PDB file of N, CA and C in Angstrom:
ATOM      1  N   MET A   1       0.847  -1.176   0.000  1.00  0.00           N
ATOM      2  CA  MET A   1       0.000   0.000   0.000  1.00  0.00           C
ATOM      3  C   MET A   1       0.895   1.243   0.000  1.00  0.00           C
ATOM      4  N   ASN A   2       0.416   2.287  -0.550  1.00  0.00           N
ATOM      5  CA  ASN A   2       1.124   3.542  -0.679  1.00  0.00           C
ATOM      6  C   ASN A   2       1.219   4.264   0.666  1.00  0.00           C
ATOM      7  N   LEU A   3       2.320   4.970   0.916  1.00  0.00           N
ATOM      8  CA  LEU A   3       2.501   5.738   2.151  1.00  0.00           C
ATOM      9  C   LEU A   3       1.429   6.812   2.294  1.00  0.00           C
ATOM     10  N   GLY A   4       1.042   7.441   1.216  1.00  0.00           N
ATOM     11  CA  GLY A   4      -0.001   8.477   1.257  1.00  0.00           C
ATOM     12  C   GLY A   4      -1.348   7.925   1.689  1.00  0.00           C
ATOM     13  N   ILE A   5      -1.688   6.740   1.203  1.00  0.00           N
ATOM     14  CA  ILE A   5      -2.965   6.115   1.572  1.00  0.00           C
ATOM     15  C   ILE A   5      -2.965   5.742   3.051  1.00  0.00           C
ATOM     16  N   VAL A   6      -1.853   5.189   3.527  1.00  0.00           N
ATOM     17  CA  VAL A   6      -1.762   4.826   4.943  1.00  0.00           C
ATOM     18  C   VAL A   6      -1.816   6.085   5.807  1.00  0.00           C
ATOM     19  N   ALA A   7      -1.123   7.147   5.412  1.00  0.00           N
ATOM     20  CA  ALA A   7      -1.134   8.396   6.178  1.00  0.00           C
ATOM     21  C   ALA A   7      -2.542   8.995   6.221  1.00  0.00           C
ATOM     22  N   LEU A   8      -3.238   8.980   5.101  1.00  0.00           N
ATOM     23  CA  LEU A   8      -4.609   9.483   5.071  1.00  0.00           C
ATOM     24  C   LEU A   8      -5.528   8.629   5.939  1.00  0.00           C
ATOM     25  N   SER A   9      -5.319   7.323   5.915  1.00  0.00           N
ATOM     26  CA  SER A   9      -6.109   6.425   6.761  1.00  0.00           C
ATOM     27  C   SER A   9      -5.854   6.698   8.240  1.00  0.00           C
ATOM     28  N   VAL A  10      -4.617   6.942   8.609  1.00  0.00           N
ATOM     29  CA  VAL A  10      -4.281   7.254  10.001  1.00  0.00           C
ATOM     30  C   VAL A  10      -4.927   8.575  10.404  1.00  0.00           C
ATOM     31  N   LEU A  11      -4.896   9.570   9.538  1.00  0.00           N
ATOM     32  CA  LEU A  11      -5.516  10.858   9.841  1.00  0.00           C
ATOM     33  C   LEU A  11      -7.017  10.697  10.065  1.00  0.00           C
ATOM     34  N   VAL A  12      -7.695  10.016   9.158  1.00  0.00           N
ATOM     35  CA  VAL A  12      -9.144   9.841   9.263  1.00  0.00           C
ATOM     36  C   VAL A  12      -9.497   8.987  10.481  1.00  0.00           C
ATOM     37  N   LEU A  13      -8.696   7.984  10.761  1.00  0.00           N
ATOM     38  CA  LEU A  13      -8.938   7.139  11.929  1.00  0.00           C
ATOM     39  C   LEU A  13      -8.842   7.931  13.231  1.00  0.00           C
ATOM     40  N   ASN A  14      -7.988   8.929  13.276  1.00  0.00           N
ATOM     41  CA  ASN A  14      -7.777   9.699  14.500  1.00  0.00           C
ATOM     42  C   ASN A  14      -8.792  10.809  14.709  1.00  0.00           C
ATOM     43  N   LEU A  15      -9.568  11.162  13.707  1.00  0.00           N
ATOM     44  CA  LEU A  15     -10.576  12.216  13.887  1.00  0.00           C
ATOM     45  C   LEU A  15     -11.553  11.912  15.026  1.00  0.00           C
ATOM     46  N   PRO A  16     -12.186  10.726  15.056  1.00  0.00           N
ATOM     47  CA  PRO A  16     -13.108  10.467  16.162  1.00  0.00           C
ATOM     48  C   PRO A  16     -12.423  10.384  17.520  1.00  0.00           C
ATOM     49  N   PHE A  17     -11.179   9.938  17.548  1.00  0.00           N
ATOM     50  CA  PHE A  17     -10.469   9.860  18.821  1.00  0.00           C
ATOM     51  C   PHE A  17     -10.117  11.255  19.338  1.00  0.00           C
ATOM     52  N   GLY A  18      -9.750  12.160  18.442  1.00  0.00           N
ATOM     53  CA  GLY A  18      -9.504  13.542  18.846  1.00  0.00           C
ATOM     54  C   GLY A  18     -10.777  14.223  19.310  1.00  0.00           C
ATOM     55  N   TYR A  19     -11.881  13.908  18.656  1.00  0.00           N
ATOM     56  CA  TYR A  19     -13.190  14.444  19.055  1.00  0.00           C
ATOM     57  C   TYR A  19     -13.561  13.945  20.447  1.00  0.00           C
ATOM     58  N   TRP A  20     -13.343  12.663  20.687  1.00  0.00           N
ATOM     59  CA  TRP A  20     -13.620  12.057  21.989  1.00  0.00           C
ATOM     60  C   TRP A  20     -12.738  12.690  23.061  1.00  0.00           C
ATOM     61  N   ARG A  21     -11.453  12.856  22.748  1.00  0.00           N
ATOM     62  CA  ARG A  21     -10.501  13.417  23.701  1.00  0.00           C
ATOM     63  C   ARG A  21     -10.870  14.840  24.096  1.00  0.00           C
ATOM     64  N   ALA A  22     -11.433  15.607  23.173  1.00  0.00           N
ATOM     65  CA  ALA A  22     -11.810  16.991  23.465  1.00  0.00           C
ATOM     66  C   ALA A  22     -13.011  17.075  24.397  1.00  0.00           C
ATOM     67  N   HIS A  23     -13.782  16.011  24.497  1.00  0.00           N
ATOM     68  CA  HIS A  23     -15.031  16.024  25.268  1.00  0.00           C
ATOM     69  C   HIS A  23     -14.862  15.555  26.707  1.00  0.00           C
ATOM     70  N   ILE A  24     -13.768  14.896  27.006  1.00  0.00           N
ATOM     71  CA  ILE A  24     -13.608  14.272  28.314  1.00  0.00           C
ATOM     72  C   ILE A  24     -12.529  14.990  29.129  1.00  0.00           C
ATOM     73  N   PRO A  25     -12.516  14.789  30.449  1.00  0.00           N
ATOM     74  CA  PRO A  25     -11.514  15.463  31.286  1.00  0.00           C
ATOM     75  C   PRO A  25     -10.087  15.030  30.944  1.00  0.00           C
ATOM     76  N   ARG A  26      -9.198  15.995  30.959  1.00  0.00           N
ATOM     77  CA  ARG A  26      -7.800  15.738  30.641  1.00  0.00           C
ATOM     78  C   ARG A  26      -7.165  14.815  31.683  1.00  0.00           C
ATOM     79  N   TYR A  27      -6.337  13.922  31.206  1.00  0.00           N
ATOM     80  CA  TYR A  27      -5.578  12.954  32.003  1.00  0.00           C
ATOM     81  C   TYR A  27      -6.452  11.932  32.727  1.00  0.00           C
ATOM     82  N   SER A  28      -7.684  11.781  32.296  1.00  0.00           N
ATOM     83  CA  SER A  28      -8.522  10.706  32.829  1.00  0.00           C
ATOM     84  C   SER A  28      -8.189   9.417  32.077  1.00  0.00           C
ATOM     85  N   LEU A  29      -8.765   8.309  32.518  1.00  0.00           N
ATOM     86  CA  LEU A  29      -8.536   7.035  31.831  1.00  0.00           C
ATOM     87  C   LEU A  29      -9.019   7.107  30.382  1.00  0.00           C
ATOM     88  N   GLN A  30     -10.190   7.706  30.172  1.00  0.00           N
ATOM     89  CA  GLN A  30     -10.710   7.826  28.799  1.00  0.00           C
ATOM     90  C   GLN A  30      -9.794   8.680  27.935  1.00  0.00           C
ATOM     91  N   TRP A  31      -9.199   9.719  28.500  1.00  0.00           N
ATOM     92  CA  TRP A  31      -8.294  10.592  27.756  1.00  0.00           C
ATOM     93  C   TRP A  31      -7.087   9.790  27.281  1.00  0.00           C
ATOM     94  N   PHE A  32      -6.501   8.986  28.190  1.00  0.00           N
ATOM     95  CA  PHE A  32      -5.357   8.162  27.809  1.00  0.00           C
ATOM     96  C   PHE A  32      -5.741   7.128  26.749  1.00  0.00           C
ATOM     97  N   LEU A  33      -6.942   6.567  26.858  1.00  0.00           N
ATOM     98  CA  LEU A  33      -7.397   5.612  25.840  1.00  0.00           C
ATOM     99  C   LEU A  33      -7.578   6.298  24.492  1.00  0.00           C
ATOM    100  N   ALA A  34      -8.122   7.513  24.492  1.00  0.00           N
ATOM    101  CA  ALA A  34      -8.334   8.246  23.237  1.00  0.00           C
ATOM    102  C   ALA A  34      -7.018   8.574  22.556  1.00  0.00           C
ATOM    103  N   VAL A  35      -5.964   8.723  23.330  1.00  0.00           N
ATOM    104  CA  VAL A  35      -4.652   9.019  22.755  1.00  0.00           C
ATOM    105  C   VAL A  35      -3.926   7.744  22.327  1.00  0.00           C
ATOM    106  N   HIS A  36      -4.044   6.681  23.120  1.00  0.00           N
ATOM    107  CA  HIS A  36      -3.204   5.509  22.887  1.00  0.00           C
ATOM    108  C   HIS A  36      -3.860   4.376  22.088  1.00  0.00           C
ATOM    109  N   LEU A  37      -5.170   4.254  22.087  1.00  0.00           N
ATOM    110  CA  LEU A  37      -5.808   3.199  21.287  1.00  0.00           C
ATOM    111  C   LEU A  37      -5.537   3.337  19.794  1.00  0.00           C
ATOM    112  N   PRO A  38      -5.567   4.556  19.238  1.00  0.00           N
ATOM    113  CA  PRO A  38      -5.290   4.642  17.796  1.00  0.00           C
ATOM    114  C   PRO A  38      -3.852   4.305  17.423  1.00  0.00           C
ATOM    115  N   VAL A  39      -2.941   4.282  18.394  1.00  0.00           N
ATOM    116  CA  VAL A  39      -1.564   3.900  18.093  1.00  0.00           C
ATOM    117  C   VAL A  39      -1.524   2.455  17.597  1.00  0.00           C
ATOM    118  N   ILE A  40      -2.301   1.594  18.248  1.00  0.00           N
ATOM    119  CA  ILE A  40      -2.362   0.186  17.845  1.00  0.00           C
ATOM    120  C   ILE A  40      -2.882   0.071  16.412  1.00  0.00           C
ATOM    121  N   ALA A  41      -3.914   0.848  16.110  1.00  0.00           N
ATOM    122  CA  ALA A  41      -4.474   0.821  14.753  1.00  0.00           C
ATOM    123  C   ALA A  41      -3.487   1.384  13.738  1.00  0.00           C
ATOM    124  N   ALA A  42      -2.769   2.434  14.099  1.00  0.00           N
ATOM    125  CA  ALA A  42      -1.797   3.027  13.171  1.00  0.00           C
ATOM    126  C   ALA A  42      -0.663   2.044  12.885  1.00  0.00           C
ATOM    127  N   ILE A  43      -0.204   1.349  13.907  1.00  0.00           N
ATOM    128  CA  ILE A  43       0.844   0.348  13.690  1.00  0.00           C
ATOM    129  C   ILE A  43       0.313  -0.785  12.823  1.00  0.00           C
ATOM    130  N   SER A  44      -0.927  -1.193  13.064  1.00  0.00           N
ATOM    131  CA  SER A  44      -1.532  -2.249  12.241  1.00  0.00           C
ATOM    132  C   SER A  44      -1.647  -1.812  10.788  1.00  0.00           C
ATOM    133  N   LEU A  45      -2.044  -0.569  10.551  1.00  0.00           N
ATOM    134  CA  LEU A  45      -2.118  -0.060   9.185  1.00  0.00           C
ATOM    135  C   LEU A  45      -0.742  -0.046   8.525  1.00  0.00           C
ATOM    136  N   ARG A  46       0.265   0.307   9.296  1.00  0.00           N
ATOM    137  CA  ARG A  46       1.637   0.308   8.774  1.00  0.00           C
ATOM    138  C   ARG A  46       2.044  -1.099   8.344  1.00  0.00           C
ATOM    139  N   VAL A  47       1.767  -2.084   9.185  1.00  0.00           N
ATOM    140  CA  VAL A  47       2.154  -3.463   8.879  1.00  0.00           C
ATOM    141  C   VAL A  47       1.332  -3.999   7.705  1.00  0.00           C
ATOM    142  N   LEU A  48      -0.006  -3.802   7.763  1.00  0.00           N
ATOM    143  CA  LEU A  48      -0.863  -4.294   6.677  1.00  0.00           C
ATOM    144  C   LEU A  48      -0.582  -3.584   5.357  1.00  0.00           C
ATOM    145  N   GLY A  49      -0.149  -2.328   5.443  1.00  0.00           N
ATOM    146  CA  GLY A  49       0.171  -1.585   4.238  1.00  0.00           C
ATOM    147  C   GLY A  49       1.516  -1.948   3.646  1.00  0.00           C
ATOM    148  N   GLY A  50       2.291  -2.763   4.367  1.00  0.00           N
ATOM    149  CA  GLY A  50       3.587  -3.193   3.848  1.00  0.00           C
ATOM    150  C   GLY A  50       4.631  -2.100   3.842  1.00  0.00           C
ATOM    151  N   LEU A  51       4.497  -1.105   4.725  1.00  0.00           N
ATOM    152  CA  LEU A  51       5.452   0.003   4.735  1.00  0.00           C
ATOM    153  C   LEU A  51       6.775  -0.359   5.392  1.00  0.00           C
ATOM    154  N   GLY A  52       6.740  -1.338   6.267  1.00  0.00           N
ATOM    155  CA  GLY A  52       7.964  -1.664   6.984  1.00  0.00           C
ATOM    156  C   GLY A  52       8.259  -0.599   8.022  1.00  0.00           C
ATOM    157  N   TRP A  53       9.536  -0.450   8.351  1.00  0.00           N
ATOM    158  CA  TRP A  53       9.911   0.493   9.412  1.00  0.00           C
ATOM    159  C   TRP A  53      10.954   1.484   8.919  1.00  0.00           C
ATOM    160  N   GLN A  54      10.802   1.919   7.674  1.00  0.00           N
ATOM    161  CA  GLN A  54      11.740   2.890   7.118  1.00  0.00           C
ATOM    162  C   GLN A  54      11.626   4.213   7.870  1.00  0.00           C
ATOM    163  N   LEU A  55      12.756   4.877   8.059  1.00  0.00           N
ATOM    164  CA  LEU A  55      12.788   6.117   8.826  1.00  0.00           C
ATOM    165  C   LEU A  55      11.913   7.217   8.227  1.00  0.00           C
ATOM    166  N   ILE A  56      11.816   7.287   6.921  1.00  0.00           N
ATOM    167  CA  ILE A  56      11.046   8.353   6.275  1.00  0.00           C
ATOM    168  C   ILE A  56       9.563   8.270   6.601  1.00  0.00           C
ATOM    169  N   THR A  57       9.071   7.084   6.937  1.00  0.00           N
ATOM    170  CA  THR A  57       7.641   6.937   7.217  1.00  0.00           C
ATOM    171  C   THR A  57       7.247   7.492   8.581  1.00  0.00           C
ATOM    172  N   PHE A  58       8.177   7.541   9.517  1.00  0.00           N
ATOM    173  CA  PHE A  58       7.838   7.977  10.866  1.00  0.00           C
ATOM    174  C   PHE A  58       7.318   9.407  10.944  1.00  0.00           C
ATOM    175  N   PRO A  59       8.031  10.412  10.394  1.00  0.00           N
ATOM    176  CA  PRO A  59       7.498  11.781  10.505  1.00  0.00           C
ATOM    177  C   PRO A  59       6.157  11.957   9.803  1.00  0.00           C
ATOM    178  N   ILE A  60       5.962  11.253   8.697  1.00  0.00           N
ATOM    179  CA  ILE A  60       4.713  11.394   7.948  1.00  0.00           C
ATOM    180  C   ILE A  60       3.554  10.798   8.738  1.00  0.00           C
ATOM    181  N   LEU A  61       3.727   9.593   9.264  1.00  0.00           N
ATOM    182  CA  LEU A  61       2.637   8.947   9.994  1.00  0.00           C
ATOM    183  C   LEU A  61       2.403   9.586  11.369  1.00  0.00           C
ATOM    184  N   ILE A  62       3.455  10.025  12.022  1.00  0.00           N
ATOM    185  CA  ILE A  62       3.272  10.726  13.301  1.00  0.00           C
ATOM    186  C   ILE A  62       2.564  12.048  13.058  1.00  0.00           C
ATOM    187  N   GLY A  63       2.913  12.735  11.990  1.00  0.00           N
ATOM    188  CA  GLY A  63       2.223  13.978  11.638  1.00  0.00           C
ATOM    189  C   GLY A  63       0.752  13.742  11.333  1.00  0.00           C
ATOM    190  N   ALA A  64       0.455  12.667  10.607  1.00  0.00           N
ATOM    191  CA  ALA A  64      -0.943  12.332  10.305  1.00  0.00           C
ATOM    192  C   ALA A  64      -1.697  11.982  11.580  1.00  0.00           C
ATOM    193  N   PHE A  65      -1.040  11.288  12.494  1.00  0.00           N
ATOM    194  CA  PHE A  65      -1.650  10.917  13.770  1.00  0.00           C
ATOM    195  C   PHE A  65      -2.050  12.172  14.553  1.00  0.00           C
ATOM    196  N   PHE A  66      -1.094  13.076  14.739  1.00  0.00           N
ATOM    197  CA  PHE A  66      -1.369  14.287  15.514  1.00  0.00           C
ATOM    198  C   PHE A  66      -2.330  15.229  14.798  1.00  0.00           C
ATOM    199  N   ALA A  67      -2.256  15.277  13.474  1.00  0.00           N
ATOM    200  CA  ALA A  67      -3.190  16.119  12.718  1.00  0.00           C
ATOM    201  C   ALA A  67      -4.621  15.617  12.881  1.00  0.00           C
ATOM    202  N   GLY A  68      -4.822  14.309  12.847  1.00  0.00           N
ATOM    203  CA  GLY A  68      -6.158  13.750  13.050  1.00  0.00           C
ATOM    204  C   GLY A  68      -6.685  14.027  14.436  1.00  0.00           C
ATOM    205  N   GLN A  69      -5.844  13.873  15.455  1.00  0.00           N
ATOM    206  CA  GLN A  69      -6.246  14.176  16.828  1.00  0.00           C
ATOM    207  C   GLN A  69      -6.597  15.659  16.960  1.00  0.00           C
ATOM    208  N   PHE A  70      -5.769  16.519  16.386  1.00  0.00           N
ATOM    209  CA  PHE A  70      -5.979  17.963  16.464  1.00  0.00           C
ATOM    210  C   PHE A  70      -7.265  18.372  15.756  1.00  0.00           C
ATOM    211  N   LEU A  71      -7.468  17.890  14.538  1.00  0.00           N
ATOM    212  CA  LEU A  71      -8.657  18.260  13.768  1.00  0.00           C
ATOM    213  C   LEU A  71      -9.941  17.741  14.409  1.00  0.00           C
ATOM    214  N   GLY A  72      -9.895  16.541  14.988  1.00  0.00           N
ATOM    215  CA  GLY A  72     -11.056  16.011  15.699  1.00  0.00           C
ATOM    216  C   GLY A  72     -11.435  16.898  16.876  1.00  0.00           C
ATOM    217  N   GLY A  73     -10.429  17.354  17.625  1.00  0.00           N
ATOM    218  CA  GLY A  73     -10.683  18.272  18.736  1.00  0.00           C
ATOM    219  C   GLY A  73     -11.221  19.613  18.255  1.00  0.00           C
ATOM    220  N   LYS A  74     -10.707  20.096  17.137  1.00  0.00           N
ATOM    221  CA  LYS A  74     -11.179  21.383  16.598  1.00  0.00           C
ATOM    222  C   LYS A  74     -12.617  21.291  16.103  1.00  0.00           C
ATOM    223  N   ILE A  75     -13.004  20.151  15.540  1.00  0.00           N
ATOM    224  CA  ILE A  75     -14.405  19.964  15.126  1.00  0.00           C
ATOM    225  C   ILE A  75     -15.311  20.062  16.342  1.00  0.00           C
ATOM    226  N   HIS A  76     -14.913  19.403  17.426  1.00  0.00           N
ATOM    227  CA  HIS A  76     -15.710  19.457  18.656  1.00  0.00           C
ATOM    228  C   HIS A  76     -15.792  20.890  19.181  1.00  0.00           C
ATOM    229  N   ASP A  77     -14.670  21.593  19.221  1.00  0.00           N
ATOM    230  CA  ASP A  77     -14.651  22.976  19.711  1.00  0.00           C
ATOM    231  C   ASP A  77     -15.497  23.897  18.842  1.00  0.00           C
ATOM    232  N   LEU A  78     -15.429  23.711  17.530  1.00  0.00           N
ATOM    233  CA  LEU A  78     -16.213  24.532  16.607  1.00  0.00           C
ATOM    234  C   LEU A  78     -17.700  24.330  16.833  1.00  0.00           C
ATOM    235  N   TRP A  79     -18.134  23.081  16.930  1.00  0.00           N
ATOM    236  CA  TRP A  79     -19.553  22.809  17.157  1.00  0.00           C
ATOM    237  C   TRP A  79     -20.001  23.315  18.517  1.00  0.00           C
ATOM    238  N   GLN A  80     -19.114  23.244  19.508  1.00  0.00           N
ATOM    239  CA  GLN A  80     -19.464  23.724  20.838  1.00  0.00           C
ATOM    240  C   GLN A  80     -19.632  25.245  20.833  1.00  0.00           C
ATOM    241  N   ARG A  81     -18.754  25.959  20.125  1.00  0.00           N
ATOM    242  CA  ARG A  81     -18.867  27.422  20.033  1.00  0.00           C
ATOM    243  C   ARG A  81     -20.106  27.857  19.257  1.00  0.00           C
ATOM    244  N   ARG A  82     -20.498  27.070  18.272  1.00  0.00           N
ATOM    245  CA  ARG A  82     -21.688  27.409  17.485  1.00  0.00           C
ATOM    246  C   ARG A  82     -22.982  27.030  18.186  1.00  0.00           C
ATOM    247  N   GLY A  83     -22.869  26.391  19.332  1.00  0.00           N
ATOM    248  CA  GLY A  83     -24.055  26.054  20.103  1.00  0.00           C
ATOM    249  C   GLY A  83     -24.781  24.824  19.624  1.00  0.00           C
ATOM    250  N   VAL A  84     -24.098  23.974  18.887  1.00  0.00           N
ATOM    251  CA  VAL A  84     -24.711  22.718  18.461  1.00  0.00           C
ATOM    252  C   VAL A  84     -24.902  21.871  19.712  1.00  0.00           C
ATOM    253  N   SER A  85     -26.108  21.479  19.952  1.00  0.00           N
ATOM    254  CA  SER A  85     -26.342  20.694  21.171  1.00  0.00           C
ATOM    255  C   SER A  85     -27.368  19.618  20.885  1.00  0.00           C
ATOM    256  N   PRO A  86     -27.395  18.581  21.599  1.00  0.00           N
ATOM    257  CA  PRO A  86     -26.398  18.205  22.606  1.00  0.00           C
ATOM    258  C   PRO A  86     -25.212  17.522  21.941  1.00  0.00           C
ATOM    259  N   LEU A  87     -24.023  17.820  22.409  1.00  0.00           N
ATOM    260  CA  LEU A  87     -22.825  17.167  21.902  1.00  0.00           C
ATOM    261  C   LEU A  87     -22.501  15.971  22.780  1.00  0.00           C
ATOM    262  N   SER A  88     -22.154  14.876  22.150  1.00  0.00           N
ATOM    263  CA  SER A  88     -21.722  13.701  22.892  1.00  0.00           C
ATOM    264  C   SER A  88     -20.214  13.560  22.715  1.00  0.00           C
ATOM    265  N   ALA A  89     -19.677  12.456  23.149  1.00  0.00           N
ATOM    266  CA  ALA A  89     -18.253  12.197  22.969  1.00  0.00           C
ATOM    267  C   ALA A  89     -17.992  11.397  21.693  1.00  0.00           C
ATOM    268  N   CYS A  90     -19.013  11.175  20.887  1.00  0.00           N
ATOM    269  CA  CYS A  90     -18.901  10.341  19.691  1.00  0.00           C
ATOM    270  C   CYS A  90     -19.129  11.179  18.431  1.00  0.00           C
ATOM    271  N   LEU A  91     -18.101  11.311  17.614  1.00  0.00           N
ATOM    272  CA  LEU A  91     -18.194  12.082  16.379  1.00  0.00           C
ATOM    273  C   LEU A  91     -19.226  11.488  15.428  1.00  0.00           C
ATOM    274  N   VAL A  92     -19.235  10.178  15.294  1.00  0.00           N
ATOM    275  CA  VAL A  92     -20.152   9.517  14.365  1.00  0.00           C
ATOM    276  C   VAL A  92     -21.605   9.769  14.789  1.00  0.00           C
ATOM    277  N   CYS A  93     -21.893   9.634  16.091  1.00  0.00           N
ATOM    278  CA  CYS A  93     -23.257   9.869  16.584  1.00  0.00           C
ATOM    279  C   CYS A  93     -23.679  11.319  16.364  1.00  0.00           C
ATOM    280  N   ASP A  94     -22.773  12.257  16.639  1.00  0.00           N
ATOM    281  CA  ASP A  94     -23.107  13.672  16.456  1.00  0.00           C
ATOM    282  C   ASP A  94     -23.290  14.018  14.980  1.00  0.00           C
ATOM    283  N   LEU A  95     -22.482  13.441  14.103  1.00  0.00           N
ATOM    284  CA  LEU A  95     -22.677  13.656  12.659  1.00  0.00           C
ATOM    285  C   LEU A  95     -24.011  13.099  12.205  1.00  0.00           C
ATOM    286  N   TRP A  96     -24.346  11.908  12.659  1.00  0.00           N
ATOM    287  CA  TRP A  96     -25.631  11.284  12.306  1.00  0.00           C
ATOM    288  C   TRP A  96     -26.780  12.166  12.784  1.00  0.00           C
ATOM    289  N   ARG A  97     -26.693  12.656  14.001  1.00  0.00           N
ATOM    290  CA  ARG A  97     -27.723  13.488  14.567  1.00  0.00           C
ATOM    291  C   ARG A  97     -27.876  14.803  13.781  1.00  0.00           C
ATOM    292  N   ARG A  98     -26.746  15.379  13.392  1.00  0.00           N
ATOM    293  CA  ARG A  98     -26.793  16.644  12.625  1.00  0.00           C
ATOM    294  C   ARG A  98     -27.363  16.431  11.227  1.00  0.00           C
ATOM    295  N   LEU A  99     -27.025  15.308  10.600  1.00  0.00           N
ATOM    296  CA  LEU A  99     -27.504  15.045   9.245  1.00  0.00           C
ATOM    297  C   LEU A  99     -29.005  14.753   9.225  1.00  0.00           C
ATOM    298  N   HIS A 100     -29.516  14.138  10.283  1.00  0.00           N
ATOM    299  CA  HIS A 100     -30.918  13.744  10.311  1.00  0.00           C
ATOM    300  C   HIS A 100     -31.761  14.612  11.229  1.00  0.00           C
ATOM    301  N   ALA A 101     -31.262  15.799  11.556  1.00  0.00           N
ATOM    302  CA  ALA A 101     -32.039  16.707  12.419  1.00  0.00           C
ATOM    303  C   ALA A 101     -33.169  17.317  11.613  1.00  0.00           C
ATOM    304  N   GLY A 102     -34.311  17.389  12.243  1.00  0.00           N
ATOM    305  CA  GLY A 102     -35.561  17.920  11.753  1.00  0.00           C
ATOM    306  C   GLY A 102     -35.549  18.673  10.522  1.00  0.00           C
TER     307      GLY A 102
END
């Protein structure tokens, strides 16, 4: 698999985790899970994508990881500032609710 496809997959995978992390108290158990669970998935994507452990892949995938976490948190903050309610800790549920609102 291509490095770009794996990086994009890591970014998209981290969006809901960043959204979840923005909704819960900092340094709680859920916060640590929101940060560390996607690491397992990112490593799995790396292995399944056949990227190996070349040095050039690390900055790209770490950047995609943090960008996904950051953007997920920003989506939550944006919706919170706009008064979208009720917000949950689940990006998928909130998107579904927004798409099917009255």
